[in-house]
N, C-alpha and C. Protein backbone atom coordinates (compact mmCIF):
# COMPACT_ATOMS: atom_id res chain seq x y z
N MET A 1 54.00 -12.27 -1.92
CA MET A 1 54.17 -11.43 -3.09
C MET A 1 52.85 -11.34 -3.83
N LEU A 2 52.45 -10.14 -4.17
CA LEU A 2 51.21 -9.90 -4.90
C LEU A 2 51.50 -9.44 -6.31
N ILE A 3 50.84 -10.07 -7.27
CA ILE A 3 50.87 -9.59 -8.65
C ILE A 3 49.41 -9.37 -9.06
N LYS A 4 49.07 -8.13 -9.36
CA LYS A 4 47.71 -7.80 -9.78
C LYS A 4 47.54 -8.14 -11.26
N LYS A 5 46.29 -8.42 -11.65
CA LYS A 5 46.03 -8.80 -13.04
C LYS A 5 46.58 -7.77 -14.01
N GLU A 6 46.44 -6.47 -13.68
CA GLU A 6 46.93 -5.44 -14.60
C GLU A 6 48.46 -5.45 -14.70
N ASP A 7 49.14 -6.12 -13.79
CA ASP A 7 50.60 -6.22 -13.84
C ASP A 7 51.08 -7.53 -14.49
N ALA A 8 50.14 -8.45 -14.75
CA ALA A 8 50.50 -9.69 -15.43
C ALA A 8 50.84 -9.37 -16.89
N LYS A 9 51.71 -10.18 -17.48
CA LYS A 9 52.09 -9.98 -18.89
C LYS A 9 51.03 -10.58 -19.80
N LYS A 10 50.34 -9.71 -20.52
CA LYS A 10 49.29 -10.14 -21.44
C LYS A 10 49.92 -10.51 -22.78
N LYS A 11 49.58 -11.70 -23.27
CA LYS A 11 50.11 -12.17 -24.54
C LYS A 11 48.96 -12.63 -25.42
N GLU A 12 48.85 -12.02 -26.59
CA GLU A 12 47.88 -12.46 -27.59
C GLU A 12 48.57 -13.56 -28.40
N VAL A 13 48.39 -14.79 -27.97
CA VAL A 13 49.07 -15.92 -28.60
C VAL A 13 48.53 -16.18 -29.99
N SER A 14 47.23 -16.06 -30.15
CA SER A 14 46.58 -16.20 -31.46
C SER A 14 45.27 -15.43 -31.39
N GLU A 15 44.52 -15.42 -32.48
CA GLU A 15 43.23 -14.73 -32.45
C GLU A 15 42.25 -15.45 -31.53
N PHE A 16 42.56 -16.68 -31.13
CA PHE A 16 41.67 -17.47 -30.27
C PHE A 16 42.17 -17.63 -28.85
N LEU A 17 43.39 -17.19 -28.55
CA LEU A 17 43.97 -17.41 -27.22
C LEU A 17 44.68 -16.16 -26.71
N THR A 18 44.28 -15.72 -25.52
CA THR A 18 44.96 -14.65 -24.80
C THR A 18 45.40 -15.22 -23.46
N VAL A 19 46.65 -14.95 -23.08
CA VAL A 19 47.22 -15.46 -21.83
C VAL A 19 47.71 -14.28 -21.00
N TRP A 20 47.50 -14.38 -19.69
CA TRP A 20 48.08 -13.43 -18.74
C TRP A 20 49.03 -14.22 -17.85
N GLU A 21 50.35 -13.95 -17.97
CA GLU A 21 51.37 -14.65 -17.18
C GLU A 21 51.69 -13.84 -15.93
N PHE A 22 51.63 -14.51 -14.79
CA PHE A 22 51.94 -13.90 -13.51
C PHE A 22 53.36 -14.33 -13.15
N GLY A 23 54.29 -13.37 -13.18
CA GLY A 23 55.71 -13.67 -13.07
C GLY A 23 56.21 -13.86 -11.65
N PHE A 24 55.74 -14.90 -10.99
CA PHE A 24 56.24 -15.19 -9.65
C PHE A 24 57.69 -15.67 -9.74
N PRO A 25 58.49 -15.37 -8.73
CA PRO A 25 59.93 -15.71 -8.77
C PRO A 25 60.21 -17.15 -8.39
N SER A 26 59.67 -18.09 -9.15
CA SER A 26 59.87 -19.51 -8.85
C SER A 26 60.06 -20.27 -10.15
N LYS A 27 61.04 -21.15 -10.17
CA LYS A 27 61.21 -22.03 -11.32
C LYS A 27 60.47 -23.35 -11.12
N GLU A 28 60.00 -23.60 -9.89
CA GLU A 28 59.30 -24.84 -9.59
C GLU A 28 57.81 -24.77 -9.87
N LEU A 29 57.23 -23.55 -9.88
CA LEU A 29 55.79 -23.39 -10.04
C LEU A 29 55.50 -22.14 -10.85
N GLY A 30 54.60 -22.25 -11.82
CA GLY A 30 54.18 -21.10 -12.61
C GLY A 30 52.68 -20.93 -12.52
N PHE A 31 52.20 -19.75 -12.92
CA PHE A 31 50.76 -19.50 -12.90
C PHE A 31 50.38 -18.52 -13.99
N ALA A 32 49.27 -18.81 -14.65
CA ALA A 32 48.72 -17.94 -15.69
C ALA A 32 47.21 -18.09 -15.71
N THR A 33 46.56 -17.16 -16.37
CA THR A 33 45.16 -17.32 -16.73
C THR A 33 45.08 -17.20 -18.24
N ALA A 34 44.03 -17.75 -18.82
CA ALA A 34 43.90 -17.70 -20.28
C ALA A 34 42.43 -17.64 -20.66
N LYS A 35 42.19 -17.02 -21.82
CA LYS A 35 40.86 -17.03 -22.43
C LYS A 35 41.00 -17.69 -23.79
N ILE A 36 40.20 -18.73 -24.01
CA ILE A 36 40.21 -19.46 -25.27
C ILE A 36 38.82 -19.33 -25.88
N ASN A 37 38.79 -18.78 -27.09
CA ASN A 37 37.51 -18.61 -27.78
C ASN A 37 37.73 -19.04 -29.23
N GLY A 38 37.66 -20.34 -29.44
CA GLY A 38 37.96 -20.92 -30.74
C GLY A 38 38.87 -22.12 -30.54
N ARG A 39 39.62 -22.47 -31.57
CA ARG A 39 40.52 -23.63 -31.51
C ARG A 39 41.94 -23.20 -31.21
N PHE A 40 42.56 -23.87 -30.24
CA PHE A 40 43.98 -23.66 -29.98
C PHE A 40 44.66 -25.01 -29.84
N PRO A 41 45.78 -25.20 -30.53
CA PRO A 41 46.30 -24.32 -31.56
C PRO A 41 45.41 -24.37 -32.80
N GLY A 42 45.59 -23.38 -33.69
CA GLY A 42 44.76 -23.27 -34.89
C GLY A 42 44.82 -24.51 -35.76
N LYS A 43 45.98 -25.14 -35.82
CA LYS A 43 46.19 -26.40 -36.52
C LYS A 43 47.11 -27.23 -35.64
N LYS A 44 47.15 -28.50 -35.90
CA LYS A 44 48.02 -29.43 -35.18
C LYS A 44 47.57 -29.61 -33.74
N ARG A 45 48.52 -30.07 -32.92
CA ARG A 45 48.34 -30.27 -31.48
C ARG A 45 49.55 -29.66 -30.79
N VAL A 46 49.48 -29.58 -29.47
CA VAL A 46 50.58 -29.01 -28.72
C VAL A 46 51.01 -29.99 -27.63
N ILE A 47 52.30 -29.95 -27.30
CA ILE A 47 52.87 -30.76 -26.21
C ILE A 47 53.69 -29.84 -25.32
N ASN A 48 53.53 -30.00 -24.02
CA ASN A 48 54.43 -29.34 -23.07
C ASN A 48 55.45 -30.40 -22.66
N LYS A 49 56.69 -30.21 -23.09
CA LYS A 49 57.72 -31.23 -22.90
C LYS A 49 58.27 -31.27 -21.48
N GLU A 50 58.20 -30.17 -20.74
CA GLU A 50 58.86 -30.10 -19.44
C GLU A 50 57.93 -29.91 -18.24
N CYS A 51 56.70 -29.43 -18.45
CA CYS A 51 55.88 -29.14 -17.28
C CYS A 51 54.51 -29.81 -17.35
N ASN A 52 53.99 -30.11 -16.18
CA ASN A 52 52.61 -30.54 -16.02
C ASN A 52 51.77 -29.28 -15.85
N GLU A 53 50.52 -29.34 -16.33
CA GLU A 53 49.63 -28.20 -16.22
C GLU A 53 48.28 -28.66 -15.68
N ILE A 54 47.59 -27.76 -15.02
CA ILE A 54 46.20 -27.97 -14.66
C ILE A 54 45.42 -26.81 -15.24
N TYR A 55 44.32 -27.10 -15.91
CA TYR A 55 43.38 -26.07 -16.34
C TYR A 55 42.20 -26.13 -15.39
N PHE A 56 42.00 -25.08 -14.60
CA PHE A 56 40.82 -24.97 -13.75
C PHE A 56 39.88 -24.00 -14.44
N VAL A 57 38.66 -24.45 -14.77
CA VAL A 57 37.73 -23.64 -15.54
C VAL A 57 37.01 -22.65 -14.63
N ILE A 58 37.27 -21.37 -14.89
CA ILE A 58 36.62 -20.29 -14.14
C ILE A 58 35.24 -20.02 -14.74
N SER A 59 35.16 -19.97 -16.08
CA SER A 59 33.88 -19.75 -16.74
C SER A 59 33.98 -20.23 -18.18
N GLY A 60 32.83 -20.28 -18.84
CA GLY A 60 32.77 -20.74 -20.22
C GLY A 60 32.75 -22.26 -20.29
N LYS A 61 32.97 -22.76 -21.49
CA LYS A 61 32.99 -24.21 -21.68
C LYS A 61 33.89 -24.55 -22.84
N GLY A 62 34.23 -25.82 -22.95
CA GLY A 62 35.08 -26.24 -24.05
C GLY A 62 35.21 -27.74 -24.14
N ILE A 63 35.97 -28.15 -25.12
CA ILE A 63 36.30 -29.56 -25.30
C ILE A 63 37.82 -29.67 -25.38
N ILE A 64 38.38 -30.51 -24.54
CA ILE A 64 39.81 -30.79 -24.58
C ILE A 64 39.98 -32.08 -25.37
N HIS A 65 40.69 -31.99 -26.49
CA HIS A 65 40.97 -33.15 -27.34
C HIS A 65 42.37 -33.62 -26.96
N HIS A 66 42.42 -34.57 -26.07
CA HIS A 66 43.67 -35.07 -25.49
C HIS A 66 43.97 -36.42 -26.12
N GLU A 67 45.22 -36.81 -26.13
CA GLU A 67 45.54 -38.11 -26.74
C GLU A 67 44.87 -39.27 -26.01
N SER A 68 44.35 -39.04 -24.80
CA SER A 68 43.63 -40.09 -24.07
C SER A 68 42.12 -40.02 -24.27
N GLY A 69 41.62 -39.03 -25.05
CA GLY A 69 40.19 -38.93 -25.32
C GLY A 69 39.74 -37.48 -25.41
N ASP A 70 38.45 -37.29 -25.64
CA ASP A 70 37.85 -35.96 -25.72
C ASP A 70 37.06 -35.72 -24.44
N PHE A 71 37.24 -34.53 -23.84
CA PHE A 71 36.63 -34.24 -22.54
C PHE A 71 35.95 -32.88 -22.58
N GLU A 72 34.65 -32.86 -22.28
CA GLU A 72 33.92 -31.60 -22.17
C GLU A 72 34.20 -31.01 -20.79
N VAL A 73 34.49 -29.70 -20.76
CA VAL A 73 34.75 -29.03 -19.49
C VAL A 73 33.86 -27.79 -19.38
N LYS A 74 33.53 -27.47 -18.14
CA LYS A 74 32.72 -26.29 -17.86
C LYS A 74 33.14 -25.74 -16.50
N GLU A 75 32.53 -24.64 -16.10
CA GLU A 75 32.87 -23.96 -14.86
C GLU A 75 33.01 -24.93 -13.68
N GLY A 76 34.12 -24.79 -12.97
CA GLY A 76 34.37 -25.62 -11.79
C GLY A 76 35.15 -26.89 -12.06
N ASP A 77 35.31 -27.27 -13.33
CA ASP A 77 36.05 -28.49 -13.69
C ASP A 77 37.55 -28.21 -13.70
N ALA A 78 38.33 -29.26 -13.51
CA ALA A 78 39.79 -29.16 -13.60
C ALA A 78 40.30 -30.32 -14.45
N PHE A 79 41.29 -30.03 -15.31
CA PHE A 79 41.86 -31.06 -16.18
C PHE A 79 43.37 -31.05 -16.00
N PHE A 80 43.96 -32.23 -15.80
CA PHE A 80 45.40 -32.37 -15.61
C PHE A 80 46.05 -32.77 -16.94
N PHE A 81 47.02 -31.96 -17.37
CA PHE A 81 47.80 -32.24 -18.58
C PHE A 81 49.17 -32.73 -18.14
N GLU A 82 49.43 -34.01 -18.36
CA GLU A 82 50.73 -34.57 -18.02
C GLU A 82 51.75 -34.16 -19.09
N LYS A 83 52.95 -33.80 -18.66
CA LYS A 83 53.97 -33.39 -19.62
C LYS A 83 54.19 -34.50 -20.64
N GLY A 84 54.45 -34.08 -21.89
CA GLY A 84 54.72 -35.03 -22.96
C GLY A 84 53.49 -35.56 -23.68
N LYS A 85 52.30 -35.19 -23.23
CA LYS A 85 51.06 -35.65 -23.87
C LYS A 85 50.52 -34.55 -24.78
N SER A 86 50.01 -34.93 -25.95
CA SER A 86 49.54 -33.94 -26.92
C SER A 86 48.05 -33.66 -26.76
N TYR A 87 47.67 -32.44 -27.16
CA TYR A 87 46.27 -32.04 -27.07
C TYR A 87 46.00 -30.81 -27.92
N TRP A 88 44.71 -30.53 -28.10
CA TRP A 88 44.24 -29.26 -28.64
C TRP A 88 42.91 -28.98 -27.98
N ILE A 89 42.47 -27.72 -28.02
CA ILE A 89 41.29 -27.29 -27.26
C ILE A 89 40.36 -26.48 -28.14
N GLU A 90 39.06 -26.69 -27.96
CA GLU A 90 38.02 -25.84 -28.54
C GLU A 90 37.35 -25.14 -27.36
N GLY A 91 37.37 -23.80 -27.34
CA GLY A 91 36.77 -23.08 -26.23
C GLY A 91 35.67 -22.14 -26.69
N GLU A 92 34.67 -21.99 -25.83
CA GLU A 92 33.61 -21.00 -26.02
C GLU A 92 33.66 -20.07 -24.82
N ASP A 93 34.34 -18.93 -24.98
CA ASP A 93 34.56 -18.01 -23.86
C ASP A 93 35.11 -18.74 -22.65
N LEU A 94 36.02 -19.67 -22.90
CA LEU A 94 36.61 -20.51 -21.87
C LEU A 94 37.71 -19.73 -21.15
N ILE A 95 37.52 -19.49 -19.87
CA ILE A 95 38.52 -18.80 -19.05
C ILE A 95 39.04 -19.79 -18.03
N VAL A 96 40.36 -19.98 -18.02
CA VAL A 96 40.98 -20.97 -17.15
C VAL A 96 42.12 -20.37 -16.33
N ALA A 97 42.30 -20.91 -15.13
CA ALA A 97 43.47 -20.64 -14.31
C ALA A 97 44.42 -21.81 -14.54
N ILE A 98 45.73 -21.50 -14.74
CA ILE A 98 46.68 -22.54 -15.15
C ILE A 98 47.92 -22.54 -14.25
N PRO A 99 47.93 -23.37 -13.20
CA PRO A 99 49.19 -23.59 -12.50
C PRO A 99 50.02 -24.62 -13.27
N THR A 100 51.34 -24.42 -13.27
CA THR A 100 52.24 -25.36 -13.94
C THR A 100 53.38 -25.73 -13.00
N SER A 101 53.90 -26.93 -13.20
CA SER A 101 55.05 -27.38 -12.41
C SER A 101 55.93 -28.23 -13.30
N PRO A 102 57.20 -27.83 -13.49
CA PRO A 102 57.80 -26.56 -13.07
C PRO A 102 57.19 -25.40 -13.85
N ALA A 103 57.69 -24.20 -13.64
CA ALA A 103 57.17 -23.03 -14.33
C ALA A 103 57.27 -23.21 -15.85
N TRP A 104 56.23 -22.77 -16.56
CA TRP A 104 56.17 -22.89 -18.01
C TRP A 104 57.15 -21.92 -18.66
N PHE A 105 57.76 -22.35 -19.77
CA PHE A 105 58.59 -21.46 -20.58
C PHE A 105 58.42 -21.85 -22.04
N ALA A 106 58.50 -20.87 -22.92
CA ALA A 106 58.13 -21.04 -24.33
C ALA A 106 58.92 -22.14 -25.04
N GLU A 107 60.19 -22.30 -24.73
CA GLU A 107 61.04 -23.26 -25.45
C GLU A 107 60.60 -24.72 -25.25
N GLN A 108 59.85 -25.00 -24.20
CA GLN A 108 59.43 -26.38 -23.96
C GLN A 108 58.08 -26.70 -24.59
N HIS A 109 57.48 -25.71 -25.22
CA HIS A 109 56.16 -25.84 -25.84
C HIS A 109 56.35 -26.21 -27.31
N GLU A 110 55.78 -27.32 -27.76
CA GLU A 110 56.03 -27.78 -29.12
C GLU A 110 54.73 -28.11 -29.83
N PHE A 111 54.61 -27.70 -31.10
CA PHE A 111 53.45 -28.04 -31.93
C PHE A 111 53.80 -29.29 -32.72
N VAL A 112 52.85 -30.24 -32.75
CA VAL A 112 53.07 -31.52 -33.43
C VAL A 112 51.88 -31.86 -34.31
N ASP A 113 52.11 -32.77 -35.28
CA ASP A 113 51.01 -33.22 -36.16
C ASP A 113 50.08 -34.15 -35.41
């Protein structure tokens, strides 16, 4: 099954985050790309309660502020986000490919202090 970028669902999550969701017919695996240019989330931190995520950096750079530490990322790096762990990100034209397992859905995404 092919989904072209122009057919992905573009979501302007905030002024600093744009996501393109590729709607593959699987509940076990999801895929998206994102551009982060600024802080996400704008305040607080975020937790994915149900899925693990990987951010593979296509271009740009950033800092992932994870509950286990702060990590600088750049092109070619990959970061694993274990479900239930909180984080926030600072990106400078950071473009990432994001596979998730199981597939990501909005209700499992939570903002925390």
